[in-house]
Amino acid sequence: MKETVVSGIRSTGKLHLGNYYGAVKNFIKMQEEYNCYFFIADWHSLTTHPTPENLHGNIKNVLVDYLACGLNPEESTIYVQSDVPEIIELYLYLNMNAYLGELERATSFKDKVRGNPDNVNAGLLTYPVLMAADILIHKATKVPVGKDQEQHLEMARTFGNRFNRLYNQEYFPEPYAFSYTEKLVKVPGLDGKGKMGKSEGDANCIYLSDTPEAIRKKVSRAVTDSGPSEENQEKPEAIQNLFDLMKIVSPADTLNHFDELYNKMAIRYGDFKKQLAEDMIIATDPVRERINDIANDNDYLKKVARLGAEKARESAQKTIKEVRELIGFKSF
């Protein structure tokens, strides 16, 4: 019997190179070997109060991008979180045994409070509980997450084990972080400061749906410096980030060529950026073409969403039925 993998992405916009090389490429391989559930986390996105138009549009964008990248709705279960109400019921049960102190100590909650003190809502506080419900509803054992989510995954194990002890059952298995490849791909952003992410702004990201013109414009504005001041010097973070991006999207000989130029103090950042942009365009071109085709096929998107909801609910309903019985909710 195949092990179950669960992974979700918040519906906060289009997928970018970081999502693709850091996660989705591995998802495509996983779906052939595991029982995979890939969901669009629209309930999670409500913590930032999106408008109805943005919420729906962002859900569609992520679904289109998932399909264009190669996720197969016949091989894996691709669904919208809010199409599976059983998740919220399990979230309620887990919340009854999640304690204020442990939720307040979560690193991500403390970061959100510092970053946006005017929007400290209960959804932010109980985010780890909803994440646990997302995972435990399918009794997953493998969860592809980055370092920033490992604490939440530890909390999911805590909540599952607490339920098991409370009801004297080894019901929920323990989910663990899962890296499909030995070396995780870190995709830097264009702002020179760290990984690619939507929270840093559109200029920091290369979206899979970006036009060639948009990619050239963004890369041309990427942060650089005045150039090396001595041969073979260590590259500063902003420059190393651009070389790391080239390592991901460009042939090895191209990377080596510009690396040699840098080491000889002969690099021209304008030429370097032009090459990087063209290689990004080539790398994203097949996905971009599929995005344009799929985005206009609403009938197909509805069919995929319905199929995913049916498959996800079949798994979730079985879990909720058993959980209700364990807790003591039984029909007369």
C-alpha atoms as a PDB file:
ATOM      1  CA  MET A   1       0.000   0.000   0.000  1.00  0.00           C
ATOM      2  CA  LYS A   2       1.331   3.404  -1.019  1.00  0.00           C
ATOM      3  CA  GLU A   3       2.199   5.944   1.673  1.00  0.00           C
ATOM      4  CA  THR A   4       0.136   9.133   1.689  1.00  0.00           C
ATOM      5  CA  VAL A   5       1.665  12.520   0.911  1.00  0.00           C
ATOM      6  CA  VAL A   6      -0.138  15.806   1.609  1.00  0.00           C
ATOM      7  CA  SER A   7       0.982  19.259   0.534  1.00  0.00           C
ATOM      8  CA  GLY A   8      -0.840  22.572   0.196  1.00  0.00           C
ATOM      9  CA  ILE A   9      -0.130  26.015  -1.150  1.00  0.00           C
ATOM     10  CA  ARG A  10      -1.932  29.172  -0.070  1.00  0.00           C
ATOM     11  CA  SER A  11      -4.128  30.767  -2.720  1.00  0.00           C
ATOM     12  CA  THR A  12      -2.319  34.082  -2.652  1.00  0.00           C
ATOM     13  CA  GLY A  13      -1.455  34.351  -6.336  1.00  0.00           C
ATOM     14  CA  LYS A  14       0.390  32.746  -9.200  1.00  0.00           C
ATOM     15  CA  LEU A  15       3.213  30.215  -8.848  1.00  0.00           C
ATOM     16  CA  HIS A  16       6.786  31.417  -9.337  1.00  0.00           C
ATOM     17  CA  LEU A  17      10.138  29.781 -10.068  1.00  0.00           C
ATOM     18  CA  GLY A  18      10.654  29.157  -6.353  1.00  0.00           C
ATOM     19  CA  ASN A  19       7.429  27.160  -6.142  1.00  0.00           C
ATOM     20  CA  TYR A  20       8.269  25.237  -9.308  1.00  0.00           C
ATOM     21  CA  TYR A  21      11.894  24.255  -8.681  1.00  0.00           C
ATOM     22  CA  GLY A  22      11.522  24.114  -4.905  1.00  0.00           C
ATOM     23  CA  ALA A  23       8.389  21.946  -4.791  1.00  0.00           C
ATOM     24  CA  VAL A  24       6.184  21.323  -7.819  1.00  0.00           C
ATOM     25  CA  LYS A  25       8.816  19.531  -9.929  1.00  0.00           C
ATOM     26  CA  ASN A  26       9.126  17.021  -7.100  1.00  0.00           C
ATOM     27  CA  PHE A  27       5.329  16.715  -6.827  1.00  0.00           C
ATOM     28  CA  ILE A  28       5.212  15.549 -10.441  1.00  0.00           C
ATOM     29  CA  LYS A  29       7.556  12.675  -9.597  1.00  0.00           C
ATOM     30  CA  MET A  30       5.858  11.913  -6.263  1.00  0.00           C
ATOM     31  CA  GLN A  31       2.453  11.365  -7.840  1.00  0.00           C
ATOM     32  CA  GLU A  32       3.769   8.262  -9.600  1.00  0.00           C
ATOM     33  CA  GLU A  33       5.018   6.624  -6.399  1.00  0.00           C
ATOM     34  CA  TYR A  34       2.752   7.840  -3.584  1.00  0.00           C
ATOM     35  CA  ASN A  35      -0.898   8.434  -2.758  1.00  0.00           C
ATOM     36  CA  CYS A  36      -0.751  12.219  -3.179  1.00  0.00           C
ATOM     37  CA  TYR A  37      -3.122  14.972  -2.059  1.00  0.00           C
ATOM     38  CA  PHE A  38      -2.238  18.445  -3.341  1.00  0.00           C
ATOM     39  CA  PHE A  39      -4.580  21.191  -2.196  1.00  0.00           C
ATOM     40  CA  ILE A  40      -5.079  24.917  -2.629  1.00  0.00           C
ATOM     41  CA  ALA A  41      -5.288  26.407   0.857  1.00  0.00           C
ATOM     42  CA  ASP A  42      -7.980  29.054   0.452  1.00  0.00           C
ATOM     43  CA  TRP A  43      -9.102  28.897   4.107  1.00  0.00           C
ATOM     44  CA  HIS A  44      -5.548  29.671   5.208  1.00  0.00           C
ATOM     45  CA  SER A  45      -5.483  32.725   2.945  1.00  0.00           C
ATOM     46  CA  LEU A  46      -8.425  34.280   4.821  1.00  0.00           C
ATOM     47  CA  THR A  47      -6.041  35.350   7.585  1.00  0.00           C
ATOM     48  CA  THR A  48      -5.010  38.213   5.283  1.00  0.00           C
ATOM     49  CA  HIS A  49      -8.625  39.141   4.338  1.00  0.00           C
ATOM     50  CA  PRO A  50      -8.599  38.848   0.522  1.00  0.00           C
ATOM     51  CA  THR A  51     -11.499  40.316  -1.450  1.00  0.00           C
ATOM     52  CA  PRO A  52     -13.931  37.787  -2.976  1.00  0.00           C
ATOM     53  CA  GLU A  53     -12.616  38.627  -6.445  1.00  0.00           C
ATOM     54  CA  ASN A  54      -8.997  38.116  -5.437  1.00  0.00           C
ATOM     55  CA  LEU A  55      -9.767  34.913  -3.542  1.00  0.00           C
ATOM     56  CA  HIS A  56     -11.501  33.266  -6.501  1.00  0.00           C
ATOM     57  CA  GLY A  57      -8.977  34.542  -9.021  1.00  0.00           C
ATOM     58  CA  ASN A  58      -6.028  33.323  -6.964  1.00  0.00           C
ATOM     59  CA  ILE A  59      -7.553  29.856  -6.529  1.00  0.00           C
ATOM     60  CA  LYS A  60      -7.945  29.605 -10.296  1.00  0.00           C
ATOM     61  CA  ASN A  61      -4.372  30.818 -10.878  1.00  0.00           C
ATOM     62  CA  VAL A  62      -2.878  28.160  -8.618  1.00  0.00           C
ATOM     63  CA  LEU A  63      -5.043  25.391 -10.103  1.00  0.00           C
ATOM     64  CA  VAL A  64      -4.091  26.410 -13.642  1.00  0.00           C
ATOM     65  CA  ASP A  65      -0.398  26.593 -12.741  1.00  0.00           C
ATOM     66  CA  TYR A  66      -0.473  23.193 -10.987  1.00  0.00           C
ATOM     67  CA  LEU A  67      -1.982  21.553 -14.064  1.00  0.00           C
ATOM     68  CA  ALA A  68       0.315  23.375 -16.481  1.00  0.00           C
ATOM     69  CA  CYS A  69       3.365  22.189 -14.524  1.00  0.00           C
ATOM     70  CA  GLY A  70       2.303  18.572 -14.975  1.00  0.00           C
ATOM     71  CA  LEU A  71       0.248  17.538 -11.960  1.00  0.00           C
ATOM     72  CA  ASN A  72      -2.171  14.893 -13.193  1.00  0.00           C
ATOM     73  CA  PRO A  73      -5.694  14.859 -11.665  1.00  0.00           C
ATOM     74  CA  GLU A  74      -5.993  11.184 -12.576  1.00  0.00           C
ATOM     75  CA  GLU A  75      -2.807  10.204 -10.707  1.00  0.00           C
ATOM     76  CA  SER A  76      -3.047  12.536  -7.710  1.00  0.00           C
ATOM     77  CA  THR A  77      -5.870  14.285  -5.855  1.00  0.00           C
ATOM     78  CA  ILE A  78      -5.842  18.019  -6.618  1.00  0.00           C
ATOM     79  CA  TYR A  79      -8.486  19.941  -4.702  1.00  0.00           C
ATOM     80  CA  VAL A  80      -9.545  23.235  -3.197  1.00  0.00           C
ATOM     81  CA  GLN A  81      -9.393  23.142   0.618  1.00  0.00           C
ATOM     82  CA  SER A  82     -12.843  24.733   1.083  1.00  0.00           C
ATOM     83  CA  ASP A  83     -14.442  22.001  -1.041  1.00  0.00           C
ATOM     84  CA  VAL A  84     -13.761  19.551   1.820  1.00  0.00           C
ATOM     85  CA  PRO A  85     -15.800  20.716   4.860  1.00  0.00           C
ATOM     86  CA  GLU A  86     -14.690  17.694   6.886  1.00  0.00           C
ATOM     87  CA  ILE A  87     -11.343  19.466   7.341  1.00  0.00           C
ATOM     88  CA  ILE A  88     -13.061  22.186   9.349  1.00  0.00           C
ATOM     89  CA  GLU A  89     -14.811  19.613  11.545  1.00  0.00           C
ATOM     90  CA  LEU A  90     -11.483  17.958  12.356  1.00  0.00           C
ATOM     91  CA  TYR A  91     -10.002  21.435  12.932  1.00  0.00           C
ATOM     92  CA  LEU A  92     -12.706  21.994  15.568  1.00  0.00           C
ATOM     93  CA  TYR A  93     -11.961  18.716  17.367  1.00  0.00           C
ATOM     94  CA  LEU A  94      -8.200  19.377  17.361  1.00  0.00           C
ATOM     95  CA  ASN A  95      -8.732  22.943  18.583  1.00  0.00           C
ATOM     96  CA  MET A  96     -10.470  21.576  21.679  1.00  0.00           C
ATOM     97  CA  ASN A  97      -7.159  20.029  22.700  1.00  0.00           C
ATOM     98  CA  ALA A  98      -4.741  22.698  21.481  1.00  0.00           C
ATOM     99  CA  TYR A  99      -3.540  25.009  24.219  1.00  0.00           C
ATOM    100  CA  LEU A 100      -3.138  28.762  24.108  1.00  0.00           C
ATOM    101  CA  GLY A 101       0.422  28.739  25.380  1.00  0.00           C
ATOM    102  CA  GLU A 102       1.742  26.356  22.736  1.00  0.00           C
ATOM    103  CA  LEU A 103      -0.036  28.260  19.959  1.00  0.00           C
ATOM    104  CA  GLU A 104       1.349  31.599  21.139  1.00  0.00           C
ATOM    105  CA  ARG A 105       4.873  30.152  21.215  1.00  0.00           C
ATOM    106  CA  ALA A 106       4.770  29.204  17.520  1.00  0.00           C
ATOM    107  CA  THR A 107       7.533  31.095  15.728  1.00  0.00           C
ATOM    108  CA  SER A 108       5.379  31.958  12.724  1.00  0.00           C
ATOM    109  CA  PHE A 109       2.655  33.435  14.956  1.00  0.00           C
ATOM    110  CA  LYS A 110       5.163  35.626  16.776  1.00  0.00           C
ATOM    111  CA  ASP A 111       6.599  36.750  13.425  1.00  0.00           C
ATOM    112  CA  LYS A 112       3.123  37.627  12.113  1.00  0.00           C
ATOM    113  CA  VAL A 113       2.299  39.597  15.284  1.00  0.00           C
ATOM    114  CA  ARG A 114       5.499  41.617  14.921  1.00  0.00           C
ATOM    115  CA  GLY A 115       5.004  42.146  11.192  1.00  0.00           C
ATOM    116  CA  ASN A 116       1.318  43.054  11.260  1.00  0.00           C
ATOM    117  CA  PRO A 117       0.175  43.976  14.776  1.00  0.00           C
ATOM    118  CA  ASP A 118      -3.155  45.349  13.521  1.00  0.00           C
ATOM    119  CA  ASN A 119      -4.277  41.953  12.197  1.00  0.00           C
ATOM    120  CA  VAL A 120      -3.667  39.449  15.005  1.00  0.00           C
ATOM    121  CA  ASN A 121      -6.717  37.284  14.312  1.00  0.00           C
ATOM    122  CA  ALA A 122      -7.633  33.897  15.753  1.00  0.00           C
ATOM    123  CA  GLY A 123      -6.962  32.296  12.364  1.00  0.00           C
ATOM    124  CA  LEU A 124      -3.297  33.248  12.662  1.00  0.00           C
ATOM    125  CA  LEU A 125      -3.148  31.852  16.188  1.00  0.00           C
ATOM    126  CA  THR A 126      -4.728  28.523  15.217  1.00  0.00           C
ATOM    127  CA  TYR A 127      -3.019  28.235  11.815  1.00  0.00           C
ATOM    128  CA  PRO A 128      -0.984  25.210  13.016  1.00  0.00           C
ATOM    129  CA  VAL A 129      -4.209  23.439  14.044  1.00  0.00           C
ATOM    130  CA  LEU A 130      -5.775  23.913  10.622  1.00  0.00           C
ATOM    131  CA  MET A 131      -2.548  22.716   9.028  1.00  0.00           C
ATOM    132  CA  ALA A 132      -2.670  19.641  11.264  1.00  0.00           C
ATOM    133  CA  ALA A 133      -6.259  18.993  10.172  1.00  0.00           C
ATOM    134  CA  ASP A 134      -5.198  19.278   6.508  1.00  0.00           C
ATOM    135  CA  ILE A 135      -2.608  16.555   7.083  1.00  0.00           C
ATOM    136  CA  LEU A 136      -4.385  14.271   9.532  1.00  0.00           C
ATOM    137  CA  ILE A 137      -7.678  14.196   7.609  1.00  0.00           C
ATOM    138  CA  HIS A 138      -5.936  11.939   5.069  1.00  0.00           C
ATOM    139  CA  LYS A 139      -3.743  10.221   7.704  1.00  0.00           C
ATOM    140  CA  ALA A 140      -0.665  11.334   5.803  1.00  0.00           C
ATOM    141  CA  THR A 141       2.808  10.206   6.858  1.00  0.00           C
ATOM    142  CA  LYS A 142       4.855  12.367   4.488  1.00  0.00           C
ATOM    143  CA  VAL A 143       4.611  16.147   4.145  1.00  0.00           C
ATOM    144  CA  PRO A 144       6.929  18.092   1.811  1.00  0.00           C
ATOM    145  CA  VAL A 145       7.731  21.252   3.799  1.00  0.00           C
ATOM    146  CA  GLY A 146      10.535  23.742   4.071  1.00  0.00           C
ATOM    147  CA  LYS A 147      12.442  24.629   7.227  1.00  0.00           C
ATOM    148  CA  ASP A 148       9.954  27.392   8.042  1.00  0.00           C
ATOM    149  CA  GLN A 149       7.117  24.857   8.368  1.00  0.00           C
ATOM    150  CA  GLU A 150       8.888  22.150  10.379  1.00  0.00           C
ATOM    151  CA  GLN A 151       7.646  23.557  13.700  1.00  0.00           C
ATOM    152  CA  HIS A 152       4.060  23.383  12.409  1.00  0.00           C
ATOM    153  CA  LEU A 153       4.612  19.790  11.363  1.00  0.00           C
ATOM    154  CA  GLU A 154       5.929  18.991  14.830  1.00  0.00           C
ATOM    155  CA  MET A 155       2.734  20.529  16.227  1.00  0.00           C
ATOM    156  CA  ALA A 156       0.657  18.361  13.877  1.00  0.00           C
ATOM    157  CA  ARG A 157       2.346  15.304  15.388  1.00  0.00           C
ATOM    158  CA  THR A 158       1.643  16.696  18.865  1.00  0.00           C
ATOM    159  CA  PHE A 159      -2.069  17.200  18.137  1.00  0.00           C
ATOM    160  CA  GLY A 160      -2.423  13.780  16.515  1.00  0.00           C
ATOM    161  CA  ASN A 161      -0.649  12.011  19.370  1.00  0.00           C
ATOM    162  CA  ARG A 162      -2.674  13.962  21.939  1.00  0.00           C
ATOM    163  CA  PHE A 163      -5.887  12.774  20.251  1.00  0.00           C
ATOM    164  CA  ASN A 164      -4.578   9.200  20.265  1.00  0.00           C
ATOM    165  CA  ARG A 165      -3.799   9.329  24.001  1.00  0.00           C
ATOM    166  CA  LEU A 166      -7.072  11.022  24.885  1.00  0.00           C
ATOM    167  CA  TYR A 167      -9.136   8.320  23.175  1.00  0.00           C
ATOM    168  CA  ASN A 168      -6.771   5.408  23.856  1.00  0.00           C
ATOM    169  CA  GLN A 169      -6.264   4.617  20.197  1.00  0.00           C
ATOM    170  CA  GLU A 170      -3.297   4.594  17.835  1.00  0.00           C
ATOM    171  CA  TYR A 171      -5.473   6.277  15.253  1.00  0.00           C
ATOM    172  CA  PHE A 172      -3.506   9.082  13.632  1.00  0.00           C
ATOM    173  CA  PRO A 173      -0.054   8.171  12.258  1.00  0.00           C
ATOM    174  CA  GLU A 174       2.819  10.587  12.795  1.00  0.00           C
ATOM    175  CA  PRO A 175       3.534  12.800   9.768  1.00  0.00           C
ATOM    176  CA  TYR A 176       7.136  13.707   9.005  1.00  0.00           C
ATOM    177  CA  ALA A 177       8.899  16.145   6.699  1.00  0.00           C
ATOM    178  CA  PHE A 178       9.589  14.629   3.324  1.00  0.00           C
ATOM    179  CA  SER A 179      12.269  15.680   0.878  1.00  0.00           C
ATOM    180  CA  TYR A 180      11.878  13.777  -2.364  1.00  0.00           C
ATOM    181  CA  THR A 181      15.411  14.647  -3.384  1.00  0.00           C
ATOM    182  CA  GLU A 182      18.432  14.615  -1.098  1.00  0.00           C
ATOM    183  CA  LYS A 183      19.291  18.244  -1.869  1.00  0.00           C
ATOM    184  CA  LEU A 184      16.558  20.857  -1.572  1.00  0.00           C
ATOM    185  CA  VAL A 185      16.625  23.543  -4.246  1.00  0.00           C
ATOM    186  CA  LYS A 186      16.746  27.056  -2.818  1.00  0.00           C
ATOM    187  CA  VAL A 187      15.525  29.548  -5.404  1.00  0.00           C
ATOM    188  CA  PRO A 188      16.688  33.110  -4.637  1.00  0.00           C
ATOM    189  CA  GLY A 189      14.669  36.207  -5.382  1.00  0.00           C
ATOM    190  CA  LEU A 190      15.727  39.204  -7.456  1.00  0.00           C
ATOM    191  CA  ASP A 191      15.946  41.647  -4.538  1.00  0.00           C
ATOM    192  CA  GLY A 192      19.314  40.342  -3.359  1.00  0.00           C
ATOM    193  CA  LYS A 193      18.119  39.374   0.113  1.00  0.00           C
ATOM    194  CA  GLY A 194      17.010  35.764   0.156  1.00  0.00           C
ATOM    195  CA  LYS A 195      14.596  33.275  -1.338  1.00  0.00           C
ATOM    196  CA  MET A 196      11.995  34.096  -3.974  1.00  0.00           C
ATOM    197  CA  GLY A 197       8.604  34.835  -2.418  1.00  0.00           C
ATOM    198  CA  LYS A 198       5.397  36.724  -3.158  1.00  0.00           C
ATOM    199  CA  SER A 199       5.453  38.505   0.191  1.00  0.00           C
ATOM    200  CA  GLU A 200       8.513  40.451  -0.988  1.00  0.00           C
ATOM    201  CA  GLY A 201       6.600  41.849  -3.974  1.00  0.00           C
ATOM    202  CA  ASP A 202       6.123  41.020  -7.653  1.00  0.00           C
ATOM    203  CA  ALA A 203       9.511  42.482  -8.606  1.00  0.00           C
ATOM    204  CA  ASN A 204      11.203  39.777  -6.502  1.00  0.00           C
ATOM    205  CA  CYS A 205       9.489  36.907  -8.352  1.00  0.00           C
ATOM    206  CA  ILE A 206       9.563  35.390 -11.800  1.00  0.00           C
ATOM    207  CA  TYR A 207       6.081  33.934 -12.226  1.00  0.00           C
ATOM    208  CA  LEU A 208       5.583  30.901 -14.444  1.00  0.00           C
ATOM    209  CA  SER A 209       3.003  32.904 -16.393  1.00  0.00           C
ATOM    210  CA  ASP A 210       5.203  35.990 -16.868  1.00  0.00           C
ATOM    211  CA  THR A 211       5.638  37.073 -20.483  1.00  0.00           C
ATOM    212  CA  PRO A 212       9.161  37.159 -21.947  1.00  0.00           C
ATOM    213  CA  GLU A 213       8.977  40.960 -21.829  1.00  0.00           C
ATOM    214  CA  ALA A 214       8.093  40.918 -18.134  1.00  0.00           C
ATOM    215  CA  ILE A 215      10.937  38.506 -17.348  1.00  0.00           C
ATOM    216  CA  ARG A 216      13.490  40.655 -19.186  1.00  0.00           C
ATOM    217  CA  LYS A 217      12.275  43.763 -17.370  1.00  0.00           C
ATOM    218  CA  LYS A 218      12.384  42.155 -13.908  1.00  0.00           C
ATOM    219  CA  VAL A 219      15.829  40.611 -14.394  1.00  0.00           C
ATOM    220  CA  SER A 220      17.247  43.865 -15.763  1.00  0.00           C
ATOM    221  CA  ARG A 221      16.250  45.533 -12.482  1.00  0.00           C
ATOM    222  CA  ALA A 222      17.687  42.798 -10.234  1.00  0.00           C
ATOM    223  CA  VAL A 223      20.027  44.026  -7.507  1.00  0.00           C
ATOM    224  CA  THR A 224      23.748  44.027  -8.398  1.00  0.00           C
ATOM    225  CA  ASP A 225      26.823  45.982  -7.297  1.00  0.00           C
ATOM    226  CA  SER A 226      29.695  47.870  -8.935  1.00  0.00           C
ATOM    227  CA  GLY A 227      31.512  44.621  -9.758  1.00  0.00           C
ATOM    228  CA  PRO A 228      34.429  42.635  -8.260  1.00  0.00           C
ATOM    229  CA  SER A 229      37.391  44.627  -6.975  1.00  0.00           C
ATOM    230  CA  GLU A 230      39.866  41.730  -7.054  1.00  0.00           C
ATOM    231  CA  GLU A 231      40.231  38.408  -8.824  1.00  0.00           C
ATOM    232  CA  ASN A 232      38.509  35.308  -7.405  1.00  0.00           C
ATOM    233  CA  GLN A 233      36.832  37.269  -4.650  1.00  0.00           C
ATOM    234  CA  GLU A 234      33.821  35.859  -2.832  1.00  0.00           C
ATOM    235  CA  LYS A 235      30.547  36.987  -4.376  1.00  0.00           C
ATOM    236  CA  PRO A 236      28.276  39.147  -2.174  1.00  0.00           C
ATOM    237  CA  GLU A 237      24.810  37.715  -1.482  1.00  0.00           C
ATOM    238  CA  ALA A 238      22.974  39.671  -4.185  1.00  0.00           C
ATOM    239  CA  ILE A 239      25.412  38.537  -6.880  1.00  0.00           C
ATOM    240  CA  GLN A 240      25.578  34.946  -5.617  1.00  0.00           C
ATOM    241  CA  ASN A 241      21.782  34.832  -5.758  1.00  0.00           C
ATOM    242  CA  LEU A 242      21.841  35.682  -9.474  1.00  0.00           C
ATOM    243  CA  PHE A 243      24.493  33.033 -10.108  1.00  0.00           C
ATOM    244  CA  ASP A 244      22.366  30.531  -8.167  1.00  0.00           C
ATOM    245  CA  LEU A 245      19.410  31.386 -10.421  1.00  0.00           C
ATOM    246  CA  MET A 246      21.599  30.850 -13.478  1.00  0.00           C
ATOM    247  CA  LYS A 247      22.683  27.484 -12.062  1.00  0.00           C
ATOM    248  CA  ILE A 248      19.023  26.445 -11.991  1.00  0.00           C
ATOM    249  CA  VAL A 249      17.894  27.603 -15.441  1.00  0.00           C
ATOM    250  CA  SER A 250      21.033  27.747 -17.606  1.00  0.00           C
ATOM    251  CA  PRO A 251      23.372  25.154 -19.141  1.00  0.00           C
ATOM    252  CA  ALA A 252      26.503  24.438 -17.109  1.00  0.00           C
ATOM    253  CA  ASP A 253      28.830  25.927 -19.728  1.00  0.00           C
ATOM    254  CA  THR A 254      26.928  29.229 -19.597  1.00  0.00           C
ATOM    255  CA  LEU A 255      27.275  29.366 -15.813  1.00  0.00           C
ATOM    256  CA  ASN A 256      30.979  28.504 -16.026  1.00  0.00           C
ATOM    257  CA  HIS A 257      31.534  31.198 -18.666  1.00  0.00           C
ATOM    258  CA  PHE A 258      30.131  33.992 -16.494  1.00  0.00           C
ATOM    259  CA  ASP A 259      31.786  32.598 -13.378  1.00  0.00           C
ATOM    260  CA  GLU A 260      35.170  32.825 -15.106  1.00  0.00           C
ATOM    261  CA  LEU A 261      34.423  36.386 -16.204  1.00  0.00           C
ATOM    262  CA  TYR A 262      33.569  37.320 -12.628  1.00  0.00           C
ATOM    263  CA  ASN A 263      36.728  35.738 -11.262  1.00  0.00           C
ATOM    264  CA  LYS A 264      38.813  37.632 -13.844  1.00  0.00           C
ATOM    265  CA  MET A 265      37.043  40.935 -13.013  1.00  0.00           C
ATOM    266  CA  ALA A 266      35.776  41.048 -16.612  1.00  0.00           C
ATOM    267  CA  ILE A 267      32.053  40.497 -16.045  1.00  0.00           C
ATOM    268  CA  ARG A 268      29.492  42.925 -17.464  1.00  0.00           C
ATOM    269  CA  TYR A 269      26.301  42.617 -15.467  1.00  0.00           C
ATOM    270  CA  GLY A 270      24.197  43.829 -18.390  1.00  0.00           C
ATOM    271  CA  ASP A 271      25.309  40.875 -20.535  1.00  0.00           C
ATOM    272  CA  PHE A 272      24.966  38.508 -17.589  1.00  0.00           C
ATOM    273  CA  LYS A 273      21.394  39.625 -16.896  1.00  0.00           C
ATOM    274  CA  LYS A 274      20.394  39.407 -20.562  1.00  0.00           C
ATOM    275  CA  GLN A 275      21.612  35.812 -20.717  1.00  0.00           C
ATOM    276  CA  LEU A 276      19.904  34.935 -17.426  1.00  0.00           C
ATOM    277  CA  ALA A 277      16.601  36.400 -18.641  1.00  0.00           C
ATOM    278  CA  GLU A 278      16.724  34.498 -21.951  1.00  0.00           C
ATOM    279  CA  ASP A 279      17.470  31.229 -20.177  1.00  0.00           C
ATOM    280  CA  MET A 280      14.559  31.851 -17.792  1.00  0.00           C
ATOM    281  CA  ILE A 281      12.284  32.443 -20.777  1.00  0.00           C
ATOM    282  CA  ILE A 282      13.388  29.169 -22.378  1.00  0.00           C
ATOM    283  CA  ALA A 283      12.966  27.272 -19.079  1.00  0.00           C
ATOM    284  CA  THR A 284       9.427  28.567 -18.478  1.00  0.00           C
ATOM    285  CA  ASP A 285       8.189  28.580 -22.090  1.00  0.00           C
ATOM    286  CA  PRO A 286       6.524  25.106 -22.111  1.00  0.00           C
ATOM    287  CA  VAL A 287       4.687  25.806 -18.833  1.00  0.00           C
ATOM    288  CA  ARG A 288       3.680  29.298 -19.960  1.00  0.00           C
ATOM    289  CA  GLU A 289       2.117  27.918 -23.157  1.00  0.00           C
ATOM    290  CA  ARG A 290       0.097  25.353 -21.196  1.00  0.00           C
ATOM    291  CA  ILE A 291      -1.001  28.027 -18.710  1.00  0.00           C
ATOM    292  CA  ASN A 292      -2.457  30.094 -21.536  1.00  0.00           C
ATOM    293  CA  ASP A 293      -4.312  27.065 -22.950  1.00  0.00           C
ATOM    294  CA  ILE A 294      -5.677  25.763 -19.629  1.00  0.00           C
ATOM    295  CA  ALA A 295      -6.683  29.179 -18.242  1.00  0.00           C
ATOM    296  CA  ASN A 296      -9.228  29.573 -21.043  1.00  0.00           C
ATOM    297  CA  ASP A 297     -10.801  26.134 -20.561  1.00  0.00           C
ATOM    298  CA  ASN A 298     -13.226  26.727 -17.678  1.00  0.00           C
ATOM    299  CA  ASP A 299     -15.095  23.471 -18.322  1.00  0.00           C
ATOM    300  CA  TYR A 300     -11.897  21.491 -17.817  1.00  0.00           C
ATOM    301  CA  LEU A 301     -11.016  23.432 -14.647  1.00  0.00           C
ATOM    302  CA  LYS A 302     -14.480  22.774 -13.183  1.00  0.00           C
ATOM    303  CA  LYS A 303     -14.149  19.080 -14.021  1.00  0.00           C
ATOM    304  CA  VAL A 304     -10.734  18.867 -12.311  1.00  0.00           C
ATOM    305  CA  ALA A 305     -11.999  20.698  -9.213  1.00  0.00           C
ATOM    306  CA  ARG A 306     -15.065  18.427  -8.961  1.00  0.00           C
ATOM    307  CA  LEU A 307     -12.996  15.273  -9.378  1.00  0.00           C
ATOM    308  CA  GLY A 308     -10.506  16.436  -6.750  1.00  0.00           C
ATOM    309  CA  ALA A 309     -13.240  17.361  -4.282  1.00  0.00           C
ATOM    310  CA  GLU A 310     -14.903  13.946  -4.692  1.00  0.00           C
ATOM    311  CA  LYS A 311     -11.653  12.046  -4.133  1.00  0.00           C
ATOM    312  CA  ALA A 312     -10.583  14.212  -1.193  1.00  0.00           C
ATOM    313  CA  ARG A 313     -14.002  14.005   0.478  1.00  0.00           C
ATOM    314  CA  GLU A 314     -14.094  10.230   0.154  1.00  0.00           C
ATOM    315  CA  SER A 315     -10.909  10.057   2.233  1.00  0.00           C
ATOM    316  CA  ALA A 316     -11.984  12.838   4.621  1.00  0.00           C
ATOM    317  CA  GLN A 317     -15.467  11.427   5.274  1.00  0.00           C
ATOM    318  CA  LYS A 318     -14.002   8.076   6.269  1.00  0.00           C
ATOM    319  CA  THR A 319     -11.683   9.795   8.774  1.00  0.00           C
ATOM    320  CA  ILE A 320     -14.434  11.983  10.245  1.00  0.00           C
ATOM    321  CA  LYS A 321     -16.804   9.031  10.629  1.00  0.00           C
ATOM    322  CA  GLU A 322     -14.160   7.135  12.607  1.00  0.00           C
ATOM    323  CA  VAL A 323     -13.136  10.208  14.633  1.00  0.00           C
ATOM    324  CA  ARG A 324     -16.752  10.890  15.633  1.00  0.00           C
ATOM    325  CA  GLU A 325     -17.122   7.324  16.846  1.00  0.00           C
ATOM    326  CA  LEU A 326     -13.896   7.523  18.863  1.00  0.00           C
ATOM    327  CA  ILE A 327     -15.000  10.784  20.503  1.00  0.00           C
ATOM    328  CA  GLY A 328     -18.452   9.400  21.251  1.00  0.00           C
ATOM    329  CA  PHE A 329     -20.685  11.108  18.676  1.00  0.00           C
ATOM    330  CA  LYS A 330     -22.977   8.288  17.591  1.00  0.00           C
ATOM    331  CA  SER A 331     -26.340   8.404  15.885  1.00  0.00           C
ATOM    332  CA  PHE A 332     -29.306   7.050  17.811  1.00  0.00           C
END
